[in-house]
Structure formats: C-alpha cells, structure tokens
C-alpha atoms as a PDB file:
ATOM      1  CA  MET A   1     106.888 116.943  93.056  1.00  0.00           C
ATOM      2  CA  THR A   2     107.819 114.910  96.104  1.00  0.00           C
ATOM      3  CA  ASP A   3     109.784 111.733  95.500  1.00  0.00           C
ATOM      4  CA  VAL A   4     110.555 108.752  97.718  1.00  0.00           C
ATOM      5  CA  ALA A   5     113.978 110.122  98.702  1.00  0.00           C
ATOM      6  CA  GLN A   6     112.405 113.346 100.017  1.00  0.00           C
ATOM      7  CA  ILE A   7     109.844 111.384 102.003  1.00  0.00           C
ATOM      8  CA  ALA A   8     112.599 109.142 103.434  1.00  0.00           C
ATOM      9  CA  ARG A   9     114.642 112.195 104.529  1.00  0.00           C
ATOM     10  CA  LYS A  10     111.613 113.651 106.272  1.00  0.00           C
ATOM     11  CA  ALA A  11     110.717 110.302 107.855  1.00  0.00           C
ATOM     12  CA  ASN A  12     114.238 110.053 109.338  1.00  0.00           C
ATOM     13  CA  GLN A  13     113.523 113.235 111.301  1.00  0.00           C
ATOM     14  CA  LEU A  14     110.372 111.849 112.941  1.00  0.00           C
ATOM     15  CA  ASP A  15     110.140 110.308 116.382  1.00  0.00           C
ATOM     16  CA  PRO A  16     109.308 106.550 116.534  1.00  0.00           C
ATOM     17  CA  ASP A  17     105.606 107.112 117.248  1.00  0.00           C
ATOM     18  CA  ARG A  18     105.183 109.318 114.206  1.00  0.00           C
ATOM     19  CA  VAL A  19     107.169 106.887 112.055  1.00  0.00           C
ATOM     20  CA  ALA A  20     104.676 104.202 113.079  1.00  0.00           C
ATOM     21  CA  ILE A  21     101.772 106.457 112.099  1.00  0.00           C
ATOM     22  CA  LEU A  22     103.439 107.251 108.780  1.00  0.00           C
ATOM     23  CA  SER A  23     103.975 103.544 108.148  1.00  0.00           C
ATOM     24  CA  GLU A  24     100.306 102.778 108.829  1.00  0.00           C
ATOM     25  CA  PHE A  25      99.269 105.583 106.496  1.00  0.00           C
ATOM     26  CA  VAL A  26     101.527 104.296 103.728  1.00  0.00           C
ATOM     27  CA  ASP A  27     100.075 100.801 104.241  1.00  0.00           C
ATOM     28  CA  PHE A  28      96.602 102.313 103.867  1.00  0.00           C
ATOM     29  CA  LEU A  29      97.612 104.105 100.666  1.00  0.00           C
ATOM     30  CA  LEU A  30      99.009 100.870  99.264  1.00  0.00           C
ATOM     31  CA  THR A  31      95.698  99.078  99.866  1.00  0.00           C
ATOM     32  CA  ILE A  32      93.743 101.577  97.793  1.00  0.00           C
ATOM     33  CA  ASP A  33      93.094 100.083  94.396  1.00  0.00           C
ATOM     34  CA  SER A  34      91.918 101.931  91.341  1.00  0.00           C
ATOM     35  CA  GLY A  35      89.757  98.969  90.332  1.00  0.00           C
ATOM     36  CA  PRO A  36      86.009  98.401  90.812  1.00  0.00           C
ATOM     37  CA  GLU A  37      86.516  97.100  94.367  1.00  0.00           C
ATOM     38  CA  ALA A  38      87.803 100.512  95.442  1.00  0.00           C
ATOM     39  CA  GLU A  39      84.603 102.145  94.249  1.00  0.00           C
ATOM     40  CA  GLN A  40      82.585  99.778  96.434  1.00  0.00           C
ATOM     41  CA  ALA A  41      84.749 100.412  99.507  1.00  0.00           C
ATOM     42  CA  PHE A  42      84.614 104.195  99.118  1.00  0.00           C
ATOM     43  CA  PRO A  43      81.447 105.131  97.243  1.00  0.00           C
ATOM     44  CA  VAL A  44      81.399 108.385  95.345  1.00  0.00           C
ATOM     45  CA  THR A  45      79.596 111.098  97.262  1.00  0.00           C
ATOM     46  CA  ARG A  46      77.713 114.068  95.930  1.00  0.00           C
ATOM     47  CA  ILE A  47      76.241 117.220  97.367  1.00  0.00           C
ATOM     48  CA  GLU A  48      72.464 117.391  97.480  1.00  0.00           C
ATOM     49  CA  ASP A  49      70.775 119.748  95.080  1.00  0.00           C
ATOM     50  CA  PRO A  50      69.765 122.906  97.016  1.00  0.00           C
ATOM     51  CA  GLU A  51      66.448 122.913  95.145  1.00  0.00           C
ATOM     52  CA  MET A  52      65.594 119.472  96.501  1.00  0.00           C
ATOM     53  CA  PRO A  53      62.867 119.571  99.183  1.00  0.00           C
ATOM     54  CA  ALA A  54      64.082 119.033 102.735  1.00  0.00           C
ATOM     55  CA  VAL A  55      63.550 115.658 104.347  1.00  0.00           C
ATOM     56  CA  HIS A  56      62.891 117.321 107.717  1.00  0.00           C
ATOM     57  CA  GLN A  57      59.218 118.261 108.005  1.00  0.00           C
ATOM     58  CA  GLY A  58      59.229 119.901 111.449  1.00  0.00           C
ATOM     59  CA  MET A  59      59.961 123.448 112.434  1.00  0.00           C
ATOM     60  CA  PRO A  60      63.423 124.809 111.563  1.00  0.00           C
ATOM     61  CA  LEU A  61      65.942 124.335 114.360  1.00  0.00           C
ATOM     62  CA  SER A  62      68.252 127.100 115.461  1.00  0.00           C
ATOM     63  CA  LEU A  63      71.906 126.437 116.141  1.00  0.00           C
ATOM     64  CA  GLU A  64      71.234 127.142 119.825  1.00  0.00           C
ATOM     65  CA  THR A  65      68.466 124.516 119.942  1.00  0.00           C
ATOM     66  CA  VAL A  66      70.716 121.931 118.316  1.00  0.00           C
ATOM     67  CA  ARG A  67      73.542 122.706 120.757  1.00  0.00           C
ATOM     68  CA  GLU A  68      71.163 122.374 123.724  1.00  0.00           C
ATOM     69  CA  ALA A  69      69.996 118.998 122.411  1.00  0.00           C
ATOM     70  CA  VAL A  70      73.581 117.804 121.973  1.00  0.00           C
ATOM     71  CA  ASP A  71      74.473 119.006 125.471  1.00  0.00           C
ATOM     72  CA  TRP A  72      71.427 117.238 126.898  1.00  0.00           C
ATOM     73  CA  GLU A  73      72.275 113.986 125.088  1.00  0.00           C
ATOM     74  CA  THR A  74      75.891 114.222 126.214  1.00  0.00           C
ATOM     75  CA  GLY A  75      74.737 114.627 129.812  1.00  0.00           C
ATOM     76  CA  GLU A  76      72.462 111.592 129.489  1.00  0.00           C
ATOM     77  CA  HIS A  77      75.303 109.322 128.410  1.00  0.00           C
ATOM     78  CA  ARG A  78      77.880 110.209 131.053  1.00  0.00           C
END
C-alpha cells in the first residue's frame, strides 16, 4: 500500500509543471465526498441491457460510414 511518505518522495522527483498537476489532482480527490452530494455530482452509471431494443430505427451504420460522417463534420467546422 502506498503511504503519504512514498507519494512525497515521488513528488520530489517531478518537474514543477507536473507537481502543479499532482496538486490539482489531490485537490480534486479531497473534494470528493462520500455523502449524498457526491452521488448527485457523479451519478452511478450502468451498461444497457443487450436485450433492450435499440433506440436507433434507421439502417445499421458501418464503421466506415461513421468515420466519413465525422470527417465531413470536421471539415465543415474548420
């Protein structure tokens, strides 16, 4: 198990930019609460049941068709 002393030793080896990132991440971790507010901020997710009917009613799209659509949209917004 990692303890605070191990984390501090590793943090001392980081450059200042990465120390800043680490500090922001630790701040984020400290804001996470195990109370009911945390459940509202990060709702529990679940995977859809594979037996559930698809929402999409059109023809199935191939990966190539989807990539072409993404490429077209990307070109439109340049």
